[in-house]
Structures are given as structure tokens and as C-alpha cells.
Amino acid sequence: MPAPLETFLGAAALGLLTAIGVIAYRHPAAFKKLEAVLFWLVAGAMLLMAAFNFGILAGESAVSLEVAKTGDLLKIVRAVSSAGIPILLAYGVPAALFVYLAVLRSLPFWLLEKEKVENEDSKERH
């Protein structure tokens, strides 16, 4: 992937994560609906990437069985395996997104507790 495209995708992902954080902070009720959709999108993407990687592994084993008679086995297996999705991208990013969604989901509980402490402090001063 070209460097400008990677930069654009990274900036777009950061902007999207920030927007989701702002929605979770300012509109908790709307975030509950959005969070369910995002959870299933991330879970579906993770399953699709896992299925794709499983297909690549199945392709490698099928190719290795068929081409074992020739000397080009190593070249062919490398070509097939280079099409796979990296493990960090396939499993690490969705896991990080699940943690991020869990933190955002717990955000209202943290804020409510902080507001209670601030209200108690202001009552004691008066």
C-alpha cells in the first residue's frame, strides 16, 4: 500500500475513533445503539479475516500436496502465504477495538461517580 494512502487511512481511523469517543461522552443513549452496531461490525470483520486466513492456510496445504513432486514448492507456498492478512491486523486491531468500546461503554459510570463526589464536596463547603 502506498505511504500516502496509509497516512490517509490512519488519519481517518483516528478521526473516526475520536468521533465515536465524543458521541459516547456527549450522547450516551445514542452511543448504546451505535455500540451494538459497531460491536457486530468489528466481530464480523474479525471472523471474515479469520476465515480468509484459514482459506490461505488451506490453499497452502493443497498447493504443497499437489506440487510436492516439483522443485517449485517453496516459491508457490511463499506466493500463496504472502496474500494472508497479518495476525496483528486480523486479531490485534479487533481486540483493541473491543477494549475501546468497553471503555467507552463504561464512561457514563465513571462520570456519574465523579459528579457525585463533586456534589458532595460542594455541599460540605456550604
N, C-alpha and C. Protein backbone atom coordinates (compact mmCIF):
# COMPACT_ATOMS: atom_id res chain seq x y z
N MET A 1 0.85 -1.17 0.00
CA MET A 1 0.00 0.00 0.00
C MET A 1 0.90 1.24 0.00
N PRO A 2 0.62 2.22 -0.83
CA PRO A 2 1.44 3.43 -0.88
C PRO A 2 1.38 4.21 0.43
N ALA A 3 2.47 4.91 0.75
CA ALA A 3 2.56 5.64 2.01
C ALA A 3 1.48 6.72 2.15
N PRO A 4 1.14 7.50 1.11
CA PRO A 4 0.08 8.50 1.30
C PRO A 4 -1.27 7.87 1.63
N LEU A 5 -1.55 6.71 1.06
CA LEU A 5 -2.81 6.04 1.37
C LEU A 5 -2.82 5.54 2.81
N GLU A 6 -1.69 4.99 3.27
CA GLU A 6 -1.60 4.55 4.66
C GLU A 6 -1.78 5.72 5.61
N THR A 7 -1.19 6.87 5.28
CA THR A 7 -1.32 8.06 6.11
C THR A 7 -2.77 8.52 6.16
N PHE A 8 -3.42 8.54 5.02
CA PHE A 8 -4.82 8.95 4.98
C PHE A 8 -5.70 8.01 5.78
N LEU A 9 -5.49 6.70 5.62
CA LEU A 9 -6.30 5.73 6.36
C LEU A 9 -6.06 5.83 7.86
N GLY A 10 -4.82 6.05 8.26
CA GLY A 10 -4.51 6.23 9.68
C GLY A 10 -5.18 7.46 10.26
N ALA A 11 -5.14 8.57 9.52
CA ALA A 11 -5.78 9.79 9.98
C ALA A 11 -7.30 9.63 10.02
N ALA A 12 -7.87 8.96 9.03
CA ALA A 12 -9.32 8.73 9.02
C ALA A 12 -9.74 7.84 10.18
N ALA A 13 -8.95 6.82 10.48
CA ALA A 13 -9.25 5.92 11.61
C ALA A 13 -9.17 6.68 12.93
N LEU A 14 -8.17 7.53 13.09
CA LEU A 14 -8.05 8.32 14.31
C LEU A 14 -9.22 9.28 14.45
N GLY A 15 -9.61 9.92 13.36
CA GLY A 15 -10.77 10.81 13.40
C GLY A 15 -12.05 10.07 13.74
N LEU A 16 -12.22 8.88 13.20
CA LEU A 16 -13.40 8.08 13.49
C LEU A 16 -13.44 7.66 14.95
N LEU A 17 -12.30 7.23 15.49
CA LEU A 17 -12.25 6.84 16.90
C LEU A 17 -12.53 8.04 17.81
N THR A 18 -12.03 9.20 17.44
CA THR A 18 -12.30 10.40 18.22
C THR A 18 -13.78 10.76 18.17
N ALA A 19 -14.38 10.68 16.99
CA ALA A 19 -15.81 10.98 16.86
C ALA A 19 -16.66 10.01 17.68
N ILE A 20 -16.29 8.75 17.69
CA ILE A 20 -17.03 7.77 18.49
C ILE A 20 -16.89 8.10 19.97
N GLY A 21 -15.70 8.52 20.40
CA GLY A 21 -15.49 8.92 21.79
C GLY A 21 -16.33 10.13 22.17
N VAL A 22 -16.42 11.10 21.28
CA VAL A 22 -17.23 12.29 21.55
C VAL A 22 -18.72 11.92 21.64
N ILE A 23 -19.17 11.06 20.75
CA ILE A 23 -20.56 10.61 20.80
C ILE A 23 -20.84 9.88 22.11
N ALA A 24 -19.90 9.04 22.53
CA ALA A 24 -20.09 8.30 23.79
C ALA A 24 -20.14 9.25 24.98
N TYR A 25 -19.37 10.31 24.94
CA TYR A 25 -19.32 11.26 26.05
C TYR A 25 -20.53 12.18 26.08
N ARG A 26 -20.90 12.69 24.93
CA ARG A 26 -21.98 13.69 24.89
C ARG A 26 -23.38 13.09 24.77
N HIS A 27 -23.49 11.93 24.14
CA HIS A 27 -24.80 11.32 23.89
C HIS A 27 -24.77 9.84 24.26
N PRO A 28 -24.79 9.52 25.55
CA PRO A 28 -24.68 8.11 25.97
C PRO A 28 -25.82 7.23 25.45
N ALA A 29 -27.03 7.76 25.36
CA ALA A 29 -28.15 6.95 24.88
C ALA A 29 -27.97 6.58 23.40
N ALA A 30 -27.53 7.53 22.61
CA ALA A 30 -27.30 7.26 21.19
C ALA A 30 -26.11 6.32 21.01
N PHE A 31 -25.13 6.44 21.90
CA PHE A 31 -23.96 5.57 21.78
C PHE A 31 -24.32 4.11 22.05
N LYS A 32 -25.28 3.85 22.92
CA LYS A 32 -25.68 2.47 23.19
C LYS A 32 -26.16 1.79 21.92
N LYS A 33 -26.92 2.52 21.10
CA LYS A 33 -27.39 1.96 19.83
C LYS A 33 -26.22 1.77 18.87
N LEU A 34 -25.37 2.78 18.79
CA LEU A 34 -24.22 2.74 17.89
C LEU A 34 -23.22 1.65 18.32
N GLU A 35 -23.08 1.47 19.62
CA GLU A 35 -22.11 0.49 20.13
C GLU A 35 -22.50 -0.93 19.72
N ALA A 36 -23.78 -1.22 19.74
CA ALA A 36 -24.22 -2.57 19.34
C ALA A 36 -23.90 -2.82 17.86
N VAL A 37 -24.13 -1.83 17.04
CA VAL A 37 -23.83 -1.96 15.61
C VAL A 37 -22.32 -2.10 15.40
N LEU A 38 -21.54 -1.27 16.08
CA LEU A 38 -20.09 -1.33 15.93
C LEU A 38 -19.53 -2.66 16.42
N PHE A 39 -20.08 -3.18 17.52
CA PHE A 39 -19.62 -4.46 18.04
C PHE A 39 -19.79 -5.55 17.00
N TRP A 40 -20.97 -5.60 16.38
CA TRP A 40 -21.21 -6.67 15.40
C TRP A 40 -20.41 -6.45 14.12
N LEU A 41 -20.17 -5.19 13.74
CA LEU A 41 -19.32 -4.93 12.57
C LEU A 41 -17.89 -5.40 12.81
N VAL A 42 -17.35 -5.08 13.99
CA VAL A 42 -15.98 -5.50 14.31
C VAL A 42 -15.90 -7.01 14.42
N ALA A 43 -16.89 -7.63 15.08
CA ALA A 43 -16.90 -9.09 15.21
C ALA A 43 -16.99 -9.75 13.84
N GLY A 44 -17.84 -9.22 12.97
CA GLY A 44 -17.96 -9.77 11.62
C GLY A 44 -16.69 -9.62 10.82
N ALA A 45 -16.05 -8.45 10.92
CA ALA A 45 -14.79 -8.24 10.21
C ALA A 45 -13.71 -9.18 10.73
N MET A 46 -13.69 -9.41 12.04
CA MET A 46 -12.70 -10.32 12.60
C MET A 46 -12.93 -11.75 12.12
N LEU A 47 -14.18 -12.17 12.08
CA LEU A 47 -14.49 -13.51 11.59
C LEU A 47 -14.15 -13.66 10.10
N LEU A 48 -14.43 -12.63 9.33
CA LEU A 48 -14.09 -12.68 7.90
C LEU A 48 -12.58 -12.78 7.69
N MET A 49 -11.81 -12.01 8.48
CA MET A 49 -10.36 -12.08 8.34
C MET A 49 -9.84 -13.44 8.78
N ALA A 50 -10.44 -14.01 9.83
CA ALA A 50 -10.04 -15.35 10.27
C ALA A 50 -10.36 -16.38 9.19
N ALA A 51 -11.54 -16.27 8.58
CA ALA A 51 -11.91 -17.20 7.50
C ALA A 51 -10.97 -17.05 6.30
N PHE A 52 -10.61 -15.81 5.98
CA PHE A 52 -9.69 -15.58 4.86
C PHE A 52 -8.33 -16.22 5.15
N ASN A 53 -7.82 -16.01 6.38
CA ASN A 53 -6.53 -16.63 6.73
C ASN A 53 -6.62 -18.15 6.74
N PHE A 54 -7.74 -18.69 7.18
CA PHE A 54 -7.92 -20.14 7.15
C PHE A 54 -7.93 -20.63 5.70
N GLY A 55 -8.55 -19.87 4.82
CA GLY A 55 -8.54 -20.23 3.40
C GLY A 55 -7.14 -20.21 2.81
N ILE A 56 -6.35 -19.23 3.22
CA ILE A 56 -4.96 -19.17 2.76
C ILE A 56 -4.18 -20.40 3.24
N LEU A 57 -4.39 -20.78 4.51
CA LEU A 57 -3.70 -21.97 5.03
C LEU A 57 -4.15 -23.23 4.29
N ALA A 58 -5.45 -23.32 4.01
CA ALA A 58 -5.95 -24.48 3.27
C ALA A 58 -5.36 -24.50 1.86
N GLY A 59 -5.24 -23.33 1.25
CA GLY A 59 -4.64 -23.24 -0.08
C GLY A 59 -3.18 -23.64 -0.07
N GLU A 60 -2.45 -23.23 0.99
CA GLU A 60 -1.04 -23.62 1.10
C GLU A 60 -0.90 -25.14 1.19
N SER A 61 -1.75 -25.75 2.00
CA SER A 61 -1.61 -27.20 2.15
C SER A 61 -2.02 -27.92 0.87
N ALA A 62 -3.05 -27.42 0.18
CA ALA A 62 -3.46 -28.05 -1.07
C ALA A 62 -2.37 -27.91 -2.13
N VAL A 63 -1.77 -26.73 -2.20
CA VAL A 63 -0.70 -26.50 -3.18
C VAL A 63 0.50 -27.36 -2.85
N SER A 64 0.83 -27.46 -1.57
CA SER A 64 2.01 -28.25 -1.21
C SER A 64 1.81 -29.73 -1.52
N LEU A 65 0.58 -30.22 -1.41
CA LEU A 65 0.32 -31.62 -1.76
C LEU A 65 0.42 -31.86 -3.25
N GLU A 66 -0.06 -30.90 -4.03
CA GLU A 66 -0.06 -31.07 -5.49
C GLU A 66 1.32 -30.84 -6.09
N VAL A 67 2.08 -29.93 -5.53
CA VAL A 67 3.33 -29.53 -6.16
C VAL A 67 4.53 -30.19 -5.49
N ALA A 68 4.29 -31.10 -4.58
CA ALA A 68 5.40 -31.73 -3.85
C ALA A 68 6.34 -32.46 -4.81
N LYS A 69 5.84 -32.80 -5.97
CA LYS A 69 6.67 -33.54 -6.93
C LYS A 69 7.67 -32.64 -7.64
N THR A 70 7.37 -31.33 -7.72
CA THR A 70 8.26 -30.41 -8.42
C THR A 70 9.14 -29.67 -7.42
N GLY A 71 10.11 -28.96 -7.92
CA GLY A 71 11.03 -28.22 -7.05
C GLY A 71 10.56 -26.80 -6.75
N ASP A 72 9.44 -26.39 -7.30
CA ASP A 72 8.96 -25.02 -7.12
C ASP A 72 8.05 -24.87 -5.91
N LEU A 73 8.05 -25.80 -5.03
CA LEU A 73 7.15 -25.79 -3.89
C LEU A 73 7.35 -24.54 -3.02
N LEU A 74 8.57 -24.22 -2.71
CA LEU A 74 8.86 -23.09 -1.83
C LEU A 74 8.37 -21.78 -2.43
N LYS A 75 8.59 -21.59 -3.72
CA LYS A 75 8.16 -20.37 -4.38
C LYS A 75 6.63 -20.24 -4.36
N ILE A 76 5.95 -21.33 -4.61
CA ILE A 76 4.49 -21.29 -4.67
C ILE A 76 3.89 -21.07 -3.29
N VAL A 77 4.41 -21.73 -2.28
CA VAL A 77 3.89 -21.55 -0.92
C VAL A 77 4.13 -20.13 -0.44
N ARG A 78 5.28 -19.55 -0.75
CA ARG A 78 5.54 -18.16 -0.38
C ARG A 78 4.58 -17.22 -1.09
N ALA A 79 4.30 -17.48 -2.35
CA ALA A 79 3.36 -16.63 -3.09
C ALA A 79 1.96 -16.70 -2.49
N VAL A 80 1.53 -17.89 -2.12
CA VAL A 80 0.19 -18.04 -1.53
C VAL A 80 0.14 -17.42 -0.15
N SER A 81 1.16 -17.64 0.68
CA SER A 81 1.14 -17.14 2.05
C SER A 81 1.30 -15.62 2.12
N SER A 82 1.88 -15.01 1.08
CA SER A 82 2.04 -13.55 1.10
C SER A 82 0.71 -12.83 0.94
N ALA A 83 -0.33 -13.54 0.53
CA ALA A 83 -1.64 -12.91 0.37
C ALA A 83 -2.42 -12.88 1.68
N GLY A 84 -1.93 -13.52 2.73
CA GLY A 84 -2.64 -13.57 4.00
C GLY A 84 -2.65 -12.24 4.72
N ILE A 85 -3.61 -12.07 5.63
CA ILE A 85 -3.71 -10.87 6.45
C ILE A 85 -2.81 -11.06 7.66
N PRO A 86 -1.98 -10.08 7.99
CA PRO A 86 -1.09 -10.22 9.16
C PRO A 86 -1.90 -10.47 10.44
N ILE A 87 -1.32 -11.25 11.34
CA ILE A 87 -2.00 -11.63 12.58
C ILE A 87 -2.38 -10.40 13.40
N LEU A 88 -1.48 -9.42 13.47
CA LEU A 88 -1.77 -8.22 14.25
C LEU A 88 -2.99 -7.49 13.71
N LEU A 89 -3.09 -7.41 12.41
CA LEU A 89 -4.24 -6.74 11.81
C LEU A 89 -5.51 -7.58 11.95
N ALA A 90 -5.40 -8.87 11.81
CA ALA A 90 -6.58 -9.74 11.83
C ALA A 90 -7.16 -9.90 13.23
N TYR A 91 -6.31 -9.94 14.24
CA TYR A 91 -6.81 -10.22 15.60
C TYR A 91 -6.49 -9.12 16.59
N GLY A 92 -5.36 -8.44 16.43
CA GLY A 92 -4.98 -7.40 17.38
C GLY A 92 -5.83 -6.16 17.29
N VAL A 93 -6.08 -5.69 16.08
CA VAL A 93 -6.90 -4.48 15.91
C VAL A 93 -8.34 -4.71 16.38
N PRO A 94 -9.01 -5.80 15.99
CA PRO A 94 -10.36 -6.01 16.54
C PRO A 94 -10.38 -6.14 18.06
N ALA A 95 -9.38 -6.79 18.64
CA ALA A 95 -9.33 -6.91 20.10
C ALA A 95 -9.17 -5.53 20.74
N ALA A 96 -8.33 -4.68 20.16
CA ALA A 96 -8.17 -3.32 20.68
C ALA A 96 -9.47 -2.53 20.53
N LEU A 97 -10.18 -2.73 19.43
CA LEU A 97 -11.46 -2.04 19.26
C LEU A 97 -12.50 -2.52 20.26
N PHE A 98 -12.50 -3.80 20.58
CA PHE A 98 -13.42 -4.31 21.61
C PHE A 98 -13.12 -3.67 22.96
N VAL A 99 -11.84 -3.54 23.30
CA VAL A 99 -11.46 -2.89 24.56
C VAL A 99 -11.87 -1.42 24.54
N TYR A 100 -11.66 -0.74 23.43
CA TYR A 100 -12.03 0.67 23.30
C TYR A 100 -13.54 0.83 23.48
N LEU A 101 -14.33 -0.02 22.86
CA LEU A 101 -15.78 0.06 23.01
C LEU A 101 -16.20 -0.23 24.46
N ALA A 102 -15.52 -1.15 25.11
CA ALA A 102 -15.84 -1.44 26.51
C ALA A 102 -15.53 -0.24 27.41
N VAL A 103 -14.42 0.42 27.16
CA VAL A 103 -14.07 1.61 27.94
C VAL A 103 -15.09 2.71 27.70
N LEU A 104 -15.47 2.92 26.45
CA LEU A 104 -16.47 3.95 26.16
C LEU A 104 -17.82 3.60 26.77
N ARG A 105 -18.14 2.33 26.80
CA ARG A 105 -19.42 1.92 27.39
C ARG A 105 -19.44 2.18 28.90
N SER A 106 -18.29 2.05 29.54
CA SER A 106 -18.22 2.29 30.98
C SER A 106 -18.04 3.77 31.33
N LEU A 107 -17.85 4.62 30.35
CA LEU A 107 -17.62 6.04 30.57
C LEU A 107 -18.72 6.71 31.40
N PRO A 108 -20.01 6.47 31.14
CA PRO A 108 -21.04 7.12 31.96
C PRO A 108 -20.94 6.76 33.44
N PHE A 109 -20.53 5.55 33.77
CA PHE A 109 -20.40 5.16 35.18
C PHE A 109 -19.28 5.93 35.85
N TRP A 110 -18.18 6.15 35.14
CA TRP A 110 -17.09 6.94 35.70
C TRP A 110 -17.52 8.38 35.91
N LEU A 111 -18.25 8.93 34.94
CA LEU A 111 -18.66 10.33 35.03
C LEU A 111 -19.70 10.52 36.13
N LEU A 112 -20.63 9.59 36.27
CA LEU A 112 -21.63 9.71 37.32
C LEU A 112 -20.98 9.68 38.69
N GLU A 113 -20.00 8.82 38.89
CA GLU A 113 -19.32 8.75 40.17
C GLU A 113 -18.55 10.04 40.45
N LYS A 114 -17.94 10.61 39.44
CA LYS A 114 -17.20 11.85 39.61
C LYS A 114 -18.15 12.99 39.96
N GLU A 115 -19.32 13.04 39.32
CA GLU A 115 -20.30 14.09 39.62
C GLU A 115 -20.81 13.96 41.04
N LYS A 116 -21.01 12.74 41.55
CA LYS A 116 -21.46 12.55 42.92
C LYS A 116 -20.43 13.08 43.90
N VAL A 117 -19.15 12.81 43.65
CA VAL A 117 -18.09 13.28 44.54
C VAL A 117 -18.04 14.80 44.51
N GLU A 118 -18.16 15.41 43.34
CA GLU A 118 -18.13 16.86 43.24
C GLU A 118 -19.33 17.48 43.94
N ASN A 119 -20.52 16.87 43.82
CA ASN A 119 -21.70 17.38 44.50
C ASN A 119 -21.55 17.29 46.01
N GLU A 120 -20.98 16.21 46.53
CA GLU A 120 -20.77 16.07 47.97
C GLU A 120 -19.78 17.10 48.47
N ASP A 121 -18.73 17.37 47.71
CA ASP A 121 -17.75 18.39 48.11
C ASP A 121 -18.37 19.77 48.16
N SER A 122 -19.23 20.07 47.20
CA SER A 122 -19.85 21.42 47.18
C SER A 122 -20.86 21.56 48.31
N LYS A 123 -21.53 20.48 48.71
CA LYS A 123 -22.48 20.55 49.82
C LYS A 123 -21.77 20.76 51.15
N GLU A 124 -20.58 20.16 51.31
CA GLU A 124 -19.82 20.31 52.55
C GLU A 124 -19.29 21.72 52.71
N ARG A 125 -19.01 22.40 51.63
CA ARG A 125 -18.48 23.76 51.69
C ARG A 125 -19.54 24.76 52.13
N HIS A 126 -20.80 24.47 51.83
CA HIS A 126 -21.86 25.42 52.17
C HIS A 126 -22.36 25.19 53.51
